[in-house]
Amino acid sequence: MASRGLIDRLECASDARGLDIVLSGTGIEAARQARRVREESLRRIVFETLGPEQMAHLANATALLAERLAMMEEEDRECRASRAEAVGESYEERSEA
């Protein structure tokens, strides 16, 4: 990313030994463009393919699956740990939250 000019390295204000990595102006514009491409792709591939009625069914199915996952997290310690790992949290963080 640095070689493409997408990030800048700045001295860390709170720790002179470290650096803060921030998006450069070019990086911000690249992120905006990527978001536009993703949104257009979703619109064309998913929304236009499924249409309003099937999107409503998909939304209902997704809500049911999310509800079931939440129940499984409450009931099953292994499921809770797997879910925490999938979203990049440690199990301890997830179980204390």
C-alpha atoms as a PDB file:
ATOM      1  CA  MET A   1       0.000   0.000   0.000  1.00  0.00           C
ATOM      2  CA  ALA A   2       2.846   2.337   0.765  1.00  0.00           C
ATOM      3  CA  SER A   3       4.477   1.714  -2.621  1.00  0.00           C
ATOM      4  CA  ARG A   4       1.171   2.613  -4.292  1.00  0.00           C
ATOM      5  CA  GLY A   5       0.948   5.865  -2.302  1.00  0.00           C
ATOM      6  CA  LEU A   6      -2.191   4.791  -0.448  1.00  0.00           C
ATOM      7  CA  ILE A   7      -0.867   5.305   3.086  1.00  0.00           C
ATOM      8  CA  ASP A   8       1.347   7.744   4.932  1.00  0.00           C
ATOM      9  CA  ARG A   9       3.509   6.994   7.940  1.00  0.00           C
ATOM     10  CA  LEU A  10       3.410   9.705  10.587  1.00  0.00           C
ATOM     11  CA  GLU A  11       5.346   9.995  13.823  1.00  0.00           C
ATOM     12  CA  CYS A  12       3.236   8.778  16.720  1.00  0.00           C
ATOM     13  CA  ALA A  13       2.425  11.680  19.055  1.00  0.00           C
ATOM     14  CA  SER A  14       2.111   9.426  22.110  1.00  0.00           C
ATOM     15  CA  ASP A  15       5.067   7.094  21.442  1.00  0.00           C
ATOM     16  CA  ALA A  16       8.228   8.434  19.788  1.00  0.00           C
ATOM     17  CA  ARG A  17       9.304   4.852  18.973  1.00  0.00           C
ATOM     18  CA  GLY A  18       6.304   4.197  16.763  1.00  0.00           C
ATOM     19  CA  LEU A  19       4.530   5.389  13.686  1.00  0.00           C
ATOM     20  CA  ASP A  20       0.879   5.921  12.888  1.00  0.00           C
ATOM     21  CA  ILE A  21      -0.303   4.626   9.538  1.00  0.00           C
ATOM     22  CA  VAL A  22      -3.017   6.741   7.906  1.00  0.00           C
ATOM     23  CA  LEU A  23      -4.686   6.776   4.529  1.00  0.00           C
ATOM     24  CA  SER A  24      -3.183   9.326   2.173  1.00  0.00           C
ATOM     25  CA  GLY A  25      -5.360  11.460  -0.067  1.00  0.00           C
ATOM     26  CA  THR A  26      -4.817   8.878  -2.802  1.00  0.00           C
ATOM     27  CA  GLY A  27      -5.752   6.125  -0.357  1.00  0.00           C
ATOM     28  CA  ILE A  28      -8.965   7.882   0.638  1.00  0.00           C
ATOM     29  CA  GLU A  29      -9.949   8.277  -3.010  1.00  0.00           C
ATOM     30  CA  ALA A  30      -9.100   4.612  -3.709  1.00  0.00           C
ATOM     31  CA  ALA A  31     -11.292   3.548  -0.769  1.00  0.00           C
ATOM     32  CA  ARG A  32     -14.152   5.704  -2.054  1.00  0.00           C
ATOM     33  CA  GLN A  33     -13.802   4.212  -5.542  1.00  0.00           C
ATOM     34  CA  ALA A  34     -13.730   0.676  -4.136  1.00  0.00           C
ATOM     35  CA  ARG A  35     -16.926   1.397  -2.207  1.00  0.00           C
ATOM     36  CA  ARG A  36     -18.634   2.715  -5.359  1.00  0.00           C
ATOM     37  CA  VAL A  37     -17.590  -0.394  -7.298  1.00  0.00           C
ATOM     38  CA  ARG A  38     -18.797  -2.702  -4.510  1.00  0.00           C
ATOM     39  CA  GLU A  39     -22.157  -0.921  -4.233  1.00  0.00           C
ATOM     40  CA  GLU A  40     -22.688  -1.016  -8.002  1.00  0.00           C
ATOM     41  CA  SER A  41     -21.733  -4.695  -8.128  1.00  0.00           C
ATOM     42  CA  LEU A  42     -24.168  -5.539  -5.328  1.00  0.00           C
ATOM     43  CA  ARG A  43     -26.925  -3.625  -7.051  1.00  0.00           C
ATOM     44  CA  ARG A  44     -26.375  -5.308 -10.411  1.00  0.00           C
ATOM     45  CA  ILE A  45     -25.569  -8.820  -9.227  1.00  0.00           C
ATOM     46  CA  VAL A  46     -27.831  -9.239  -6.201  1.00  0.00           C
ATOM     47  CA  PHE A  47     -30.643  -6.701  -6.180  1.00  0.00           C
ATOM     48  CA  GLU A  48     -31.417  -6.749  -9.902  1.00  0.00           C
ATOM     49  CA  THR A  49     -31.161 -10.544 -10.041  1.00  0.00           C
ATOM     50  CA  LEU A  50     -33.416 -11.263  -7.082  1.00  0.00           C
ATOM     51  CA  GLY A  51     -35.939  -8.448  -7.303  1.00  0.00           C
ATOM     52  CA  PRO A  52     -38.046  -7.067  -4.432  1.00  0.00           C
ATOM     53  CA  GLU A  53     -39.991 -10.232  -3.554  1.00  0.00           C
ATOM     54  CA  GLN A  54     -36.975 -12.517  -3.380  1.00  0.00           C
ATOM     55  CA  MET A  55     -35.002  -9.833  -1.505  1.00  0.00           C
ATOM     56  CA  ALA A  56     -37.773  -9.817   1.115  1.00  0.00           C
ATOM     57  CA  HIS A  57     -37.467 -13.615   1.429  1.00  0.00           C
ATOM     58  CA  LEU A  58     -33.691 -13.310   1.711  1.00  0.00           C
ATOM     59  CA  ALA A  59     -34.055 -10.665   4.433  1.00  0.00           C
ATOM     60  CA  ASN A  60     -36.440 -12.908   6.381  1.00  0.00           C
ATOM     61  CA  ALA A  61     -34.129 -15.911   6.066  1.00  0.00           C
ATOM     62  CA  THR A  62     -31.136 -13.840   7.134  1.00  0.00           C
ATOM     63  CA  ALA A  63     -32.987 -12.561  10.201  1.00  0.00           C
ATOM     64  CA  LEU A  64     -33.954 -16.129  11.183  1.00  0.00           C
ATOM     65  CA  LEU A  65     -30.369 -17.344  10.772  1.00  0.00           C
ATOM     66  CA  ALA A  66     -28.987 -14.419  12.796  1.00  0.00           C
ATOM     67  CA  GLU A  67     -31.490 -15.141  15.561  1.00  0.00           C
ATOM     68  CA  ARG A  68     -30.520 -18.818  15.584  1.00  0.00           C
ATOM     69  CA  LEU A  69     -26.818 -17.966  15.685  1.00  0.00           C
ATOM     70  CA  ALA A  70     -27.407 -15.678  18.663  1.00  0.00           C
ATOM     71  CA  MET A  71     -29.238 -18.524  20.439  1.00  0.00           C
ATOM     72  CA  MET A  72     -26.412 -20.931  19.662  1.00  0.00           C
ATOM     73  CA  GLU A  73     -23.864 -18.494  21.055  1.00  0.00           C
ATOM     74  CA  GLU A  74     -25.799 -18.428  24.332  1.00  0.00           C
ATOM     75  CA  GLU A  75     -26.134 -22.216  24.500  1.00  0.00           C
ATOM     76  CA  ASP A  76     -22.807 -23.430  23.120  1.00  0.00           C
ATOM     77  CA  ARG A  77     -19.417 -22.269  24.350  1.00  0.00           C
ATOM     78  CA  GLU A  78     -17.659 -23.690  21.270  1.00  0.00           C
ATOM     79  CA  CYS A  79     -20.025 -21.788  18.980  1.00  0.00           C
ATOM     80  CA  ARG A  80     -19.318 -18.608  20.969  1.00  0.00           C
ATOM     81  CA  ALA A  81     -15.577 -19.118  20.565  1.00  0.00           C
ATOM     82  CA  SER A  82     -15.906 -19.850  16.824  1.00  0.00           C
ATOM     83  CA  ARG A  83     -18.047 -16.752  16.313  1.00  0.00           C
ATOM     84  CA  ALA A  84     -15.556 -14.587  18.190  1.00  0.00           C
ATOM     85  CA  GLU A  85     -12.720 -15.949  16.067  1.00  0.00           C
ATOM     86  CA  ALA A  86     -14.667 -15.334  12.844  1.00  0.00           C
ATOM     87  CA  VAL A  87     -15.123 -11.644  13.656  1.00  0.00           C
ATOM     88  CA  GLY A  88     -11.544 -11.173  14.878  1.00  0.00           C
ATOM     89  CA  GLU A  89     -12.176 -11.021  18.616  1.00  0.00           C
ATOM     90  CA  SER A  90     -10.661 -13.187  21.289  1.00  0.00           C
ATOM     91  CA  TYR A  91     -13.055 -15.487  23.090  1.00  0.00           C
ATOM     92  CA  GLU A  92     -12.383 -13.703  26.366  1.00  0.00           C
ATOM     93  CA  GLU A  93     -13.340 -10.326  24.846  1.00  0.00           C
ATOM     94  CA  ARG A  94     -16.501 -11.788  23.356  1.00  0.00           C
ATOM     95  CA  SER A  95     -17.593 -13.619  26.514  1.00  0.00           C
ATOM     96  CA  GLU A  96     -17.074 -10.561  28.726  1.00  0.00           C
ATOM     97  CA  ALA A  97     -18.997  -8.198  26.443  1.00  0.00           C
END
